[in-house]
Structures are given as C-alpha cells and as structure tokens.
PDB file of all heavy atoms in Angstrom:
ATOM      1  N   LYS A   1      71.145 -35.316 163.107  1.00  0.00           N
ATOM      2  CA  LYS A   1      70.062 -35.616 162.171  1.00  0.00           C
ATOM      3  C   LYS A   1      70.024 -37.105 161.865  1.00  0.00           C
ATOM      4  O   LYS A   1      70.989 -37.826 162.075  1.00  0.00           O
ATOM      5  CB  LYS A   1      70.236 -34.816 160.880  1.00  0.00           C
ATOM      6  CG  LYS A   1      70.118 -33.308 161.070  1.00  0.00           C
ATOM      7  CD  LYS A   1      70.123 -32.586 159.730  1.00  0.00           C
ATOM      8  CE  LYS A   1      69.916 -31.095 159.910  1.00  0.00           C
ATOM      9  NZ  LYS A   1      69.880 -30.376 158.603  1.00  0.00           N
ATOM     10  N   GLU A   2      68.900 -37.533 161.330  1.00  0.00           N
ATOM     11  CA  GLU A   2      68.765 -38.925 160.939  1.00  0.00           C
ATOM     12  C   GLU A   2      69.478 -39.170 159.607  1.00  0.00           C
ATOM     13  O   GLU A   2      69.648 -38.256 158.799  1.00  0.00           O
ATOM     14  CB  GLU A   2      67.291 -39.299 160.837  1.00  0.00           C
ATOM     15  CG  GLU A   2      66.552 -39.272 162.158  1.00  0.00           C
ATOM     16  CD  GLU A   2      65.142 -39.824 162.028  1.00  0.00           C
ATOM     17  OE1 GLU A   2      64.702 -40.098 160.898  1.00  0.00           O
ATOM     18  OE2 GLU A   2      64.482 -39.985 163.063  1.00  0.00           O
ATOM     19  N   ARG A   3      69.827 -40.400 159.402  1.00  0.00           N
ATOM     20  CA  ARG A   3      70.410 -40.794 158.118  1.00  0.00           C
ATOM     21  C   ARG A   3      69.398 -40.556 157.008  1.00  0.00           C
ATOM     22  O   ARG A   3      68.211 -40.833 157.176  1.00  0.00           O
ATOM     23  CB  ARG A   3      70.798 -42.262 158.172  1.00  0.00           C
ATOM     24  CG  ARG A   3      71.443 -42.814 156.914  1.00  0.00           C
ATOM     25  CD  ARG A   3      71.700 -44.292 157.088  1.00  0.00           C
ATOM     26  NE  ARG A   3      70.470 -45.046 157.284  1.00  0.00           N
ATOM     27  CZ  ARG A   3      70.412 -46.298 157.732  1.00  0.00           C
ATOM     28  NH1 ARG A   3      71.538 -46.925 158.058  1.00  0.00           N
ATOM     29  NH2 ARG A   3      69.258 -46.921 157.867  1.00  0.00           N
ATOM     30  N   GLU A   4      69.887 -40.073 155.877  1.00  0.00           N
ATOM     31  CA  GLU A   4      68.981 -39.825 154.765  1.00  0.00           C
ATOM     32  C   GLU A   4      69.552 -40.375 153.465  1.00  0.00           C
ATOM     33  O   GLU A   4      70.763 -40.450 153.268  1.00  0.00           O
ATOM     34  CB  GLU A   4      68.696 -38.324 154.606  1.00  0.00           C
ATOM     35  CG  GLU A   4      69.888 -37.480 154.220  1.00  0.00           C
ATOM     36  CD  GLU A   4      69.514 -36.022 153.952  1.00  0.00           C
ATOM     37  OE1 GLU A   4      68.313 -35.681 153.996  1.00  0.00           O
ATOM     38  OE2 GLU A   4      70.440 -35.227 153.680  1.00  0.00           O
ATOM     39  N   PHE A   5      68.642 -40.726 152.601  1.00  0.00           N
ATOM     40  CA  PHE A   5      68.995 -41.236 151.279  1.00  0.00           C
ATOM     41  C   PHE A   5      69.561 -40.111 150.423  1.00  0.00           C
ATOM     42  O   PHE A   5      69.080 -38.974 150.458  1.00  0.00           O
ATOM     43  CB  PHE A   5      67.739 -41.812 150.620  1.00  0.00           C
ATOM     44  CG  PHE A   5      67.884 -42.102 149.159  1.00  0.00           C
ATOM     45  CD1 PHE A   5      68.603 -43.196 148.724  1.00  0.00           C
ATOM     46  CD2 PHE A   5      67.286 -41.270 148.217  1.00  0.00           C
ATOM     47  CE1 PHE A   5      68.734 -43.470 147.374  1.00  0.00           C
ATOM     48  CE2 PHE A   5      67.399 -41.532 146.865  1.00  0.00           C
ATOM     49  CZ  PHE A   5      68.126 -42.640 146.442  1.00  0.00           C
ATOM     50  N   VAL A   6      70.590 -40.441 149.640  1.00  0.00           N
ATOM     51  CA  VAL A   6      71.181 -39.480 148.717  1.00  0.00           C
ATOM     52  C   VAL A   6      70.964 -39.923 147.268  1.00  0.00           C
ATOM     53  O   VAL A   6      70.418 -39.183 146.462  1.00  0.00           O
ATOM     54  CB  VAL A   6      72.692 -39.309 148.987  1.00  0.00           C
ATOM     55  CG1 VAL A   6      73.322 -38.389 147.944  1.00  0.00           C
ATOM     56  CG2 VAL A   6      72.926 -38.773 150.395  1.00  0.00           C
ATOM     57  N   ALA A   7      71.405 -41.134 146.945  1.00  0.00           N
ATOM     58  CA  ALA A   7      71.309 -41.614 145.570  1.00  0.00           C
ATOM     59  C   ALA A   7      71.474 -43.122 145.552  1.00  0.00           C
ATOM     60  O   ALA A   7      72.054 -43.702 146.478  1.00  0.00           O
ATOM     61  CB  ALA A   7      72.381 -40.970 144.687  1.00  0.00           C
ATOM     62  N   ALA A   8      70.963 -43.747 144.510  1.00  0.00           N
ATOM     63  CA  ALA A   8      71.127 -45.190 144.335  1.00  0.00           C
ATOM     64  C   ALA A   8      71.141 -45.507 142.849  1.00  0.00           C
ATOM     65  O   ALA A   8      70.606 -44.749 142.032  1.00  0.00           O
ATOM     66  CB  ALA A   8      70.012 -45.958 145.040  1.00  0.00           C
ATOM     67  N   ILE A   9      71.730 -46.649 142.529  1.00  0.00           N
ATOM     68  CA  ILE A   9      71.886 -47.033 141.131  1.00  0.00           C
ATOM     69  C   ILE A   9      71.654 -48.525 140.995  1.00  0.00           C
ATOM     70  O   ILE A   9      72.006 -49.315 141.879  1.00  0.00           O
ATOM     71  CB  ILE A   9      73.296 -46.629 140.631  1.00  0.00           C
ATOM     72  CG1 ILE A   9      73.410 -46.775 139.116  1.00  0.00           C
ATOM     73  CG2 ILE A   9      74.394 -47.399 141.364  1.00  0.00           C
ATOM     74  CD1 ILE A   9      74.661 -46.102 138.549  1.00  0.00           C
ATOM     75  N   THR A  10      71.042 -48.915 139.899  1.00  0.00           N
ATOM     76  CA  THR A  10      70.746 -50.321 139.668  1.00  0.00           C
ATOM     77  C   THR A  10      72.008 -51.118 139.386  1.00  0.00           C
ATOM     78  O   THR A  10      73.081 -50.567 139.132  1.00  0.00           O
ATOM     79  CB  THR A  10      69.773 -50.476 138.490  1.00  0.00           C
ATOM     80  OG1 THR A  10      70.317 -49.778 137.350  1.00  0.00           O
ATOM     81  CG2 THR A  10      68.408 -49.914 138.834  1.00  0.00           C
ATOM     82  N   TRP A  11      71.869 -52.428 139.385  1.00  0.00           N
ATOM     83  CA  TRP A  11      73.002 -53.329 139.265  1.00  0.00           C
ATOM     84  C   TRP A  11      73.831 -53.088 138.011  1.00  0.00           C
ATOM     85  O   TRP A  11      75.045 -53.282 138.026  1.00  0.00           O
ATOM     86  CB  TRP A  11      72.500 -54.772 139.279  1.00  0.00           C
ATOM     87  CG  TRP A  11      71.656 -55.115 138.086  1.00  0.00           C
ATOM     88  CD1 TRP A  11      70.321 -54.869 137.918  1.00  0.00           C
ATOM     89  CD2 TRP A  11      72.098 -55.758 136.886  1.00  0.00           C
ATOM     90  NE1 TRP A  11      69.905 -55.309 136.692  1.00  0.00           N
ATOM     91  CE2 TRP A  11      70.971 -55.864 136.041  1.00  0.00           C
ATOM     92  CE3 TRP A  11      73.319 -56.260 136.454  1.00  0.00           C
ATOM     93  CZ2 TRP A  11      71.041 -56.463 134.787  1.00  0.00           C
ATOM     94  CZ3 TRP A  11      73.400 -56.848 135.201  1.00  0.00           C
ATOM     95  CH2 TRP A  11      72.269 -56.935 134.381  1.00  0.00           C
ATOM     96  N   ASN A  12      73.189 -52.657 136.951  1.00  0.00           N
ATOM     97  CA  ASN A  12      73.917 -52.469 135.693  1.00  0.00           C
ATOM     98  C   ASN A  12      74.137 -50.995 135.353  1.00  0.00           C
ATOM     99  O   ASN A  12      74.614 -50.670 134.270  1.00  0.00           O
ATOM    100  CB  ASN A  12      73.164 -53.147 134.555  1.00  0.00           C
ATOM    101  CG  ASN A  12      71.793 -52.540 134.327  1.00  0.00           C
ATOM    102  OD1 ASN A  12      71.324 -51.720 135.120  1.00  0.00           O
ATOM    103  ND2 ASN A  12      71.130 -52.934 133.251  1.00  0.00           N
ATOM    104  N   GLY A  13      73.786 -50.116 136.275  1.00  0.00           N
ATOM    105  CA  GLY A  13      73.957 -48.692 136.016  1.00  0.00           C
ATOM    106  C   GLY A  13      72.918 -48.104 135.092  1.00  0.00           C
ATOM    107  O   GLY A  13      73.033 -46.951 134.686  1.00  0.00           O
ATOM    108  N   GLY A  14      71.897 -48.862 134.779  1.00  0.00           N
ATOM    109  CA  GLY A  14      70.919 -48.402 133.813  1.00  0.00           C
ATOM    110  C   GLY A  14      69.924 -47.394 134.338  1.00  0.00           C
ATOM    111  O   GLY A  14      69.271 -46.685 133.554  1.00  0.00           O
ATOM    112  N   SER A  15      69.784 -47.320 135.632  1.00  0.00           N
ATOM    113  CA  SER A  15      68.825 -46.392 136.216  1.00  0.00           C
ATOM    114  C   SER A  15      69.332 -45.928 137.565  1.00  0.00           C
ATOM    115  O   SER A  15      69.993 -46.676 138.276  1.00  0.00           O
ATOM    116  CB  SER A  15      67.462 -47.075 136.375  1.00  0.00           C
ATOM    117  OG  SER A  15      66.516 -46.193 136.934  1.00  0.00           O
ATOM    118  N   ALA A  16      69.015 -44.680 137.900  1.00  0.00           N
ATOM    119  CA  ALA A  16      69.423 -44.124 139.178  1.00  0.00           C
ATOM    120  C   ALA A  16      68.270 -43.348 139.787  1.00  0.00           C
ATOM    121  O   ALA A  16      67.325 -42.940 139.095  1.00  0.00           O
ATOM    122  CB  ALA A  16      70.645 -43.228 139.015  1.00  0.00           C
ATOM    123  N   ASN A  17      68.373 -43.130 141.072  1.00  0.00           N
ATOM    124  CA  ASN A  17      67.353 -42.414 141.820  1.00  0.00           C
ATOM    125  C   ASN A  17      68.080 -41.442 142.745  1.00  0.00           C
ATOM    126  O   ASN A  17      69.111 -41.805 143.328  1.00  0.00           O
ATOM    127  CB  ASN A  17      66.503 -43.410 142.626  1.00  0.00           C
ATOM    128  CG  ASN A  17      65.168 -42.857 143.037  1.00  0.00           C
ATOM    129  OD1 ASN A  17      65.029 -41.657 143.194  1.00  0.00           O
ATOM    130  ND2 ASN A  17      64.192 -43.722 143.208  1.00  0.00           N
ATOM    131  N   TYR A  18      67.558 -40.227 142.880  1.00  0.00           N
ATOM    132  CA  TYR A  18      68.219 -39.200 143.677  1.00  0.00           C
ATOM    133  C   TYR A  18      67.247 -38.556 144.658  1.00  0.00           C
ATOM    134  O   TYR A  18      66.050 -38.406 144.364  1.00  0.00           O
ATOM    135  CB  TYR A  18      68.788 -38.097 142.782  1.00  0.00           C
ATOM    136  CG  TYR A  18      69.879 -38.547 141.847  1.00  0.00           C
ATOM    137  CD1 TYR A  18      69.591 -38.997 140.567  1.00  0.00           C
ATOM    138  CD2 TYR A  18      71.212 -38.527 142.256  1.00  0.00           C
ATOM    139  CE1 TYR A  18      70.590 -39.418 139.705  1.00  0.00           C
ATOM    140  CE2 TYR A  18      72.222 -38.940 141.402  1.00  0.00           C
ATOM    141  CZ  TYR A  18      71.908 -39.384 140.136  1.00  0.00           C
ATOM    142  OH  TYR A  18      72.908 -39.804 139.291  1.00  0.00           O
ATOM    143  N   ALA A  19      67.794 -38.136 145.789  1.00  0.00           N
ATOM    144  CA  ALA A  19      67.023 -37.272 146.676  1.00  0.00           C
ATOM    145  C   ALA A  19      66.851 -35.916 146.009  1.00  0.00           C
ATOM    146  O   ALA A  19      67.721 -35.455 145.269  1.00  0.00           O
ATOM    147  CB  ALA A  19      67.763 -37.107 148.005  1.00  0.00           C
ATOM    148  N   GLY A  20      65.722 -35.287 146.302  1.00  0.00           N
ATOM    149  CA  GLY A  20      65.454 -34.007 145.678  1.00  0.00           C
ATOM    150  C   GLY A  20      66.495 -32.950 145.988  1.00  0.00           C
ATOM    151  O   GLY A  20      66.783 -32.072 145.155  1.00  0.00           O
ATOM    152  N   SER A  21      67.082 -33.035 147.180  1.00  0.00           N
ATOM    153  CA  SER A  21      68.041 -32.016 147.604  1.00  0.00           C
ATOM    154  C   SER A  21      69.357 -32.070 146.837  1.00  0.00           C
ATOM    155  O   SER A  21      70.129 -31.106 146.860  1.00  0.00           O
ATOM    156  CB  SER A  21      68.320 -32.172 149.098  1.00  0.00           C
ATOM    157  OG  SER A  21      68.836 -33.462 149.368  1.00  0.00           O
ATOM    158  N   VAL A  22      69.630 -33.192 146.152  1.00  0.00           N
ATOM    159  CA  VAL A  22      70.902 -33.323 145.439  1.00  0.00           C
ATOM    160  C   VAL A  22      70.717 -33.489 143.941  1.00  0.00           C
ATOM    161  O   VAL A  22      71.694 -33.452 143.187  1.00  0.00           O
ATOM    162  CB  VAL A  22      71.730 -34.511 145.980  1.00  0.00           C
ATOM    163  CG1 VAL A  22      71.903 -34.399 147.484  1.00  0.00           C
ATOM    164  CG2 VAL A  22      71.115 -35.857 145.602  1.00  0.00           C
ATOM    165  N   ARG A  23      69.491 -33.676 143.502  1.00  0.00           N
ATOM    166  CA  ARG A  23      69.256 -33.904 142.079  1.00  0.00           C
ATOM    167  C   ARG A  23      69.749 -32.708 141.277  1.00  0.00           C
ATOM    168  O   ARG A  23      69.478 -31.569 141.594  1.00  0.00           O
ATOM    169  CB  ARG A  23      67.770 -34.159 141.826  1.00  0.00           C
ATOM    170  CG  ARG A  23      67.450 -34.615 140.402  1.00  0.00           C
ATOM    171  CD  ARG A  23      65.986 -34.972 140.251  1.00  0.00           C
ATOM    172  NE  ARG A  23      65.630 -36.160 141.026  1.00  0.00           N
ATOM    173  CZ  ARG A  23      64.789 -36.158 142.063  1.00  0.00           C
ATOM    174  NH1 ARG A  23      64.204 -35.028 142.405  1.00  0.00           N
ATOM    175  NH2 ARG A  23      64.522 -37.270 142.708  1.00  0.00           N
ATOM    176  N   GLY A  24      70.490 -33.001 140.236  1.00  0.00           N
ATOM    177  CA  GLY A  24      71.064 -31.953 139.403  1.00  0.00           C
ATOM    178  C   GLY A  24      72.450 -31.517 139.833  1.00  0.00           C
ATOM    179  O   GLY A  24      73.168 -30.869 139.067  1.00  0.00           O
ATOM    180  N   ARG A  25      72.851 -31.865 141.050  1.00  0.00           N
ATOM    181  CA  ARG A  25      74.182 -31.534 141.548  1.00  0.00           C
ATOM    182  C   ARG A  25      75.052 -32.780 141.727  1.00  0.00           C
ATOM    183  O   ARG A  25      76.269 -32.728 141.542  1.00  0.00           O
ATOM    184  CB  ARG A  25      74.095 -30.796 142.885  1.00  0.00           C
ATOM    185  CG  ARG A  25      73.330 -29.497 142.831  1.00  0.00           C
ATOM    186  CD  ARG A  25      73.447 -28.729 144.150  1.00  0.00           C
ATOM    187  NE  ARG A  25      72.877 -29.469 145.270  1.00  0.00           N
ATOM    188  CZ  ARG A  25      73.556 -29.779 146.383  1.00  0.00           C
ATOM    189  NH1 ARG A  25      74.815 -29.437 146.519  1.00  0.00           N
ATOM    190  NH2 ARG A  25      72.942 -30.427 147.373  1.00  0.00           N
ATOM    191  N   PHE A  26      74.448 -33.884 142.131  1.00  0.00           N
ATOM    192  CA  PHE A  26      75.176 -35.126 142.397  1.00  0.00           C
ATOM    193  C   PHE A  26      74.870 -36.135 141.286  1.00  0.00           C
ATOM    194  O   PHE A  26      73.762 -36.181 140.761  1.00  0.00           O
ATOM    195  CB  PHE A  26      74.760 -35.736 143.726  1.00  0.00           C
ATOM    196  CG  PHE A  26      75.185 -34.967 144.953  1.00  0.00           C
ATOM    197  CD1 PHE A  26      75.710 -33.687 144.865  1.00  0.00           C
ATOM    198  CD2 PHE A  26      75.050 -35.545 146.210  1.00  0.00           C
ATOM    199  CE1 PHE A  26      76.100 -32.993 145.998  1.00  0.00           C
ATOM    200  CE2 PHE A  26      75.439 -34.862 147.354  1.00  0.00           C
ATOM    201  CZ  PHE A  26      75.948 -33.582 147.247  1.00  0.00           C
ATOM    202  N   THR A  27      75.861 -36.964 140.985  1.00  0.00           N
ATOM    203  CA  THR A  27      75.689 -38.040 140.014  1.00  0.00           C
ATOM    204  C   THR A  27      76.289 -39.324 140.563  1.00  0.00           C
ATOM    205  O   THR A  27      77.452 -39.343 140.955  1.00  0.00           O
ATOM    206  CB  THR A  27      76.369 -37.701 138.682  1.00  0.00           C
ATOM    207  OG1 THR A  27      75.837 -36.470 138.169  1.00  0.00           O
ATOM    208  CG2 THR A  27      76.132 -38.809 137.666  1.00  0.00           C
ATOM    209  N   ILE A  28      75.480 -40.371 140.577  1.00  0.00           N
ATOM    210  CA  ILE A  28      75.963 -41.676 140.993  1.00  0.00           C
ATOM    211  C   ILE A  28      76.297 -42.488 139.745  1.00  0.00           C
ATOM    212  O   ILE A  28      75.577 -42.417 138.731  1.00  0.00           O
ATOM    213  CB  ILE A  28      74.927 -42.416 141.877  1.00  0.00           C
ATOM    214  CG1 ILE A  28      75.530 -43.690 142.468  1.00  0.00           C
ATOM    215  CG2 ILE A  28      73.633 -42.668 141.129  1.00  0.00           C
ATOM    216  CD1 ILE A  28      74.630 -44.349 143.519  1.00  0.00           C
ATOM    217  N   SER A  29      77.370 -43.247 139.819  1.00  0.00           N
ATOM    218  CA  SER A  29      77.760 -44.101 138.701  1.00  0.00           C
ATOM    219  C   SER A  29      78.482 -45.323 139.265  1.00  0.00           C
ATOM    220  O   SER A  29      78.807 -45.360 140.454  1.00  0.00           O
ATOM    221  CB  SER A  29      78.661 -43.350 137.713  1.00  0.00           C
ATOM    222  OG  SER A  29      79.859 -42.939 138.345  1.00  0.00           O
ATOM    223  N   ARG A  30      78.706 -46.307 138.414  1.00  0.00           N
ATOM    224  CA  ARG A  30      79.407 -47.499 138.867  1.00  0.00           C
ATOM    225  C   ARG A  30      80.236 -48.079 137.743  1.00  0.00           C
ATOM    226  O   ARG A  30      79.929 -47.893 136.554  1.00  0.00           O
ATOM    227  CB  ARG A  30      78.413 -48.537 139.389  1.00  0.00           C
ATOM    228  CG  ARG A  30      77.500 -49.133 138.343  1.00  0.00           C
ATOM    229  CD  ARG A  30      76.412 -49.974 139.001  1.00  0.00           C
ATOM    230  NE  ARG A  30      76.947 -51.157 139.659  1.00  0.00           N
ATOM    231  CZ  ARG A  30      76.305 -51.852 140.607  1.00  0.00           C
ATOM    232  NH1 ARG A  30      75.094 -51.470 140.998  1.00  0.00           N
ATOM    233  NH2 ARG A  30      76.854 -52.930 141.142  1.00  0.00           N
ATOM    234  N   ASP A  31      81.275 -48.776 138.143  1.00  0.00           N
ATOM    235  CA  ASP A  31      82.129 -49.500 137.211  1.00  0.00           C
ATOM    236  C   ASP A  31      82.199 -50.933 137.717  1.00  0.00           C
ATOM    237  O   ASP A  31      82.953 -51.222 138.660  1.00  0.00           O
ATOM    238  CB  ASP A  31      83.507 -48.853 137.149  1.00  0.00           C
ATOM    239  CG  ASP A  31      84.405 -49.477 136.087  1.00  0.00           C
ATOM    240  OD1 ASP A  31      84.153 -50.630 135.695  1.00  0.00           O
ATOM    241  OD2 ASP A  31      85.358 -48.825 135.667  1.00  0.00           O
ATOM    242  N   ASN A  32      81.430 -51.804 137.123  1.00  0.00           N
ATOM    243  CA  ASN A  32      81.372 -53.188 137.614  1.00  0.00           C
ATOM    244  C   ASN A  32      82.694 -53.926 137.385  1.00  0.00           C
ATOM    245  O   ASN A  32      83.002 -54.873 138.113  1.00  0.00           O
ATOM    246  CB  ASN A  32      80.225 -53.930 136.963  1.00  0.00           C
ATOM    247  CG  ASN A  32      78.875 -53.523 137.554  1.00  0.00           C
ATOM    248  OD1 ASN A  32      78.809 -52.821 138.566  1.00  0.00           O
ATOM    249  ND2 ASN A  32      77.797 -53.954 136.915  1.00  0.00           N
ATOM    250  N   ALA A  33      83.456 -53.496 136.412  1.00  0.00           N
ATOM    251  CA  ALA A  33      84.756 -54.129 136.186  1.00  0.00           C
ATOM    252  C   ALA A  33      85.725 -53.817 137.322  1.00  0.00           C
ATOM    253  O   ALA A  33      86.657 -54.585 137.580  1.00  0.00           O
ATOM    254  CB  ALA A  33      85.340 -53.671 134.860  1.00  0.00           C
ATOM    255  N   LYS A  34      85.504 -52.675 137.984  1.00  0.00           N
ATOM    256  CA  LYS A  34      86.366 -52.270 139.095  1.00  0.00           C
ATOM    257  C   LYS A  34      85.701 -52.467 140.451  1.00  0.00           C
ATOM    258  O   LYS A  34      86.260 -52.067 141.480  1.00  0.00           O
ATOM    259  CB  LYS A  34      86.771 -50.805 138.935  1.00  0.00           C
ATOM    260  CG  LYS A  34      87.623 -50.537 137.706  1.00  0.00           C
ATOM    261  CD  LYS A  34      88.027 -49.070 137.633  1.00  0.00           C
ATOM    262  CE  LYS A  34      88.918 -48.811 136.422  1.00  0.00           C
ATOM    263  NZ  LYS A  34      89.324 -47.377 136.336  1.00  0.00           N
ATOM    264  N   ASN A  35      84.495 -53.016 140.467  1.00  0.00           N
ATOM    265  CA  ASN A  35      83.764 -53.222 141.726  1.00  0.00           C
ATOM    266  C   ASN A  35      83.657 -51.931 142.532  1.00  0.00           C
ATOM    267  O   ASN A  35      83.847 -51.935 143.758  1.00  0.00           O
ATOM    268  CB  ASN A  35      84.428 -54.311 142.579  1.00  0.00           C
ATOM    269  CG  ASN A  35      84.115 -55.707 142.105  1.00  0.00           C
ATOM    270  OD1 ASN A  35      83.612 -55.892 140.992  1.00  0.00           O
ATOM    271  ND2 ASN A  35      84.410 -56.701 142.903  1.00  0.00           N
ATOM    272  N   THR A  36      83.346 -50.854 141.858  1.00  0.00           N
ATOM    273  CA  THR A  36      83.347 -49.548 142.510  1.00  0.00           C
ATOM    274  C   THR A  36      82.120 -48.740 142.096  1.00  0.00           C
ATOM    275  O   THR A  36      81.720 -48.767 140.923  1.00  0.00           O
ATOM    276  CB  THR A  36      84.624 -48.765 142.159  1.00  0.00           C
ATOM    277  OG1 THR A  36      85.772 -49.527 142.553  1.00  0.00           O
ATOM    278  CG2 THR A  36      84.658 -47.427 142.883  1.00  0.00           C
ATOM    279  N   VAL A  37      81.571 -48.043 143.059  1.00  0.00           N
ATOM    280  CA  VAL A  37      80.501 -47.096 142.803  1.00  0.00           C
ATOM    281  C   VAL A  37      80.998 -45.710 143.211  1.00  0.00           C
ATOM    282  O   VAL A  37      81.776 -45.570 144.158  1.00  0.00           O
ATOM    283  CB  VAL A  37      79.203 -47.479 143.535  1.00  0.00           C
ATOM    284  CG1 VAL A  37      79.388 -47.449 145.044  1.00  0.00           C
ATOM    285  CG2 VAL A  37      78.052 -46.591 143.116  1.00  0.00           C
ATOM    286  N   TYR A  38      80.557 -44.707 142.479  1.00  0.00           N
ATOM    287  CA  TYR A  38      81.031 -43.347 142.692  1.00  0.00           C
ATOM    288  C   TYR A  38      79.868 -42.407 142.989  1.00  0.00           C
ATOM    289  O   TYR A  38      78.735 -42.645 142.587  1.00  0.00           O
ATOM    290  CB  TYR A  38      81.761 -42.838 141.440  1.00  0.00           C
ATOM    291  CG  TYR A  38      82.885 -43.719 140.973  1.00  0.00           C
ATOM    292  CD1 TYR A  38      82.696 -44.646 139.950  1.00  0.00           C
ATOM    293  CD2 TYR A  38      84.144 -43.629 141.550  1.00  0.00           C
ATOM    294  CE1 TYR A  38      83.728 -45.462 139.507  1.00  0.00           C
ATOM    295  CE2 TYR A  38      85.188 -44.441 141.117  1.00  0.00           C
ATOM    296  CZ  TYR A  38      84.977 -45.356 140.101  1.00  0.00           C
ATOM    297  OH  TYR A  38      86.004 -46.163 139.674  1.00  0.00           O
ATOM    298  N   LEU A  39      80.201 -41.321 143.659  1.00  0.00           N
ATOM    299  CA  LEU A  39      79.245 -40.232 143.837  1.00  0.00           C
ATOM    300  C   LEU A  39      79.988 -38.937 143.510  1.00  0.00           C
ATOM    301  O   LEU A  39      80.826 -38.486 144.289  1.00  0.00           O
ATOM    302  CB  LEU A  39      78.691 -40.190 145.257  1.00  0.00           C
ATOM    303  CG  LEU A  39      77.596 -39.140 145.475  1.00  0.00           C
ATOM    304  CD1 LEU A  39      76.328 -39.536 144.693  1.00  0.00           C
ATOM    305  CD2 LEU A  39      77.259 -38.999 146.956  1.00  0.00           C
ATOM    306  N   GLN A  40      79.684 -38.382 142.349  1.00  0.00           N
ATOM    307  CA  GLN A  40      80.245 -37.100 141.957  1.00  0.00           C
ATOM    308  C   GLN A  40      79.365 -35.994 142.525  1.00  0.00           C
ATOM    309  O   GLN A  40      78.164 -35.949 142.232  1.00  0.00           O
ATOM    310  CB  GLN A  40      80.307 -36.993 140.431  1.00  0.00           C
ATOM    311  CG  GLN A  40      80.823 -35.661 139.926  1.00  0.00           C
ATOM    312  CD  GLN A  40      82.282 -35.424 140.264  1.00  0.00           C
ATOM    313  OE1 GLN A  40      83.108 -36.320 140.129  1.00  0.00           O
ATOM    314  NE2 GLN A  40      82.601 -34.205 140.708  1.00  0.00           N
ATOM    315  N   MET A  41      79.954 -35.145 143.334  1.00  0.00           N
ATOM    316  CA  MET A  41      79.208 -34.096 144.015  1.00  0.00           C
ATOM    317  C   MET A  41      79.720 -32.739 143.535  1.00  0.00           C
ATOM    318  O   MET A  41      80.889 -32.399 143.756  1.00  0.00           O
ATOM    319  CB  MET A  41      79.376 -34.223 145.533  1.00  0.00           C
ATOM    320  CG  MET A  41      78.997 -35.603 146.062  1.00  0.00           C
ATOM    321  SD  MET A  41      79.052 -35.697 147.867  1.00  0.00           S
ATOM    322  CE  MET A  41      80.783 -35.455 148.155  1.00  0.00           C
ATOM    323  N   ASN A  42      78.864 -32.010 142.868  1.00  0.00           N
ATOM    324  CA  ASN A  42      79.205 -30.686 142.352  1.00  0.00           C
ATOM    325  C   ASN A  42      78.421 -29.603 143.082  1.00  0.00           C
ATOM    326  O   ASN A  42      77.375 -29.871 143.673  1.00  0.00           O
ATOM    327  CB  ASN A  42      78.911 -30.613 140.852  1.00  0.00           C
ATOM    328  CG  ASN A  42      79.740 -31.585 140.042  1.00  0.00           C
ATOM    329  OD1 ASN A  42      80.873 -31.919 140.403  1.00  0.00           O
ATOM    330  ND2 ASN A  42      79.184 -32.043 138.924  1.00  0.00           N
ATOM    331  N   ASN A  43      78.936 -28.394 143.005  1.00  0.00           N
ATOM    332  CA  ASN A  43      78.263 -27.252 143.615  1.00  0.00           C
ATOM    333  C   ASN A  43      77.861 -27.554 145.063  1.00  0.00           C
ATOM    334  O   ASN A  43      76.709 -27.382 145.465  1.00  0.00           O
ATOM    335  CB  ASN A  43      77.037 -26.858 142.794  1.00  0.00           C
ATOM    336  CG  ASN A  43      76.451 -25.531 143.213  1.00  0.00           C
ATOM    337  OD1 ASN A  43      77.125 -24.702 143.833  1.00  0.00           O
ATOM    338  ND2 ASN A  43      75.186 -25.317 142.885  1.00  0.00           N
ATOM    339  N   LEU A  44      78.816 -28.010 145.833  1.00  0.00           N
ATOM    340  CA  LEU A  44      78.537 -28.408 147.212  1.00  0.00           C
ATOM    341  C   LEU A  44      78.105 -27.223 148.052  1.00  0.00           C
ATOM    342  O   LEU A  44      78.549 -26.077 147.840  1.00  0.00           O
ATOM    343  CB  LEU A  44      79.766 -29.078 147.814  1.00  0.00           C
ATOM    344  CG  LEU A  44      79.969 -30.520 147.355  1.00  0.00           C
ATOM    345  CD1 LEU A  44      81.398 -30.971 147.588  1.00  0.00           C
ATOM    346  CD2 LEU A  44      79.003 -31.447 148.087  1.00  0.00           C
TER     347      LEU A  44
END
C-alpha cells in the first residue's frame, strides 16, 4: 500500500490533525523539553 497520513501536531502542541481511520483511537503529543513526539495507539 501507499504511505498514508496518520496524525500531526503543531510546533507547540496546540493543535493536532488525525486521519479518520485513527481518530478517537490514536493520540499524538509532544514534549519539546525532551525533543520527542509520541503516538499513543489504543484499541489497535
């Protein structure tokens, strides 16, 4: 399959965007102090 978008988050974590197939199950977040972005995936 082709690569597909899952989720994205703004530079300050203030806004996020999700693909419809994962909305409500996945959560994107970031910790700028740790230079890390996360993707919490539930109900896989």
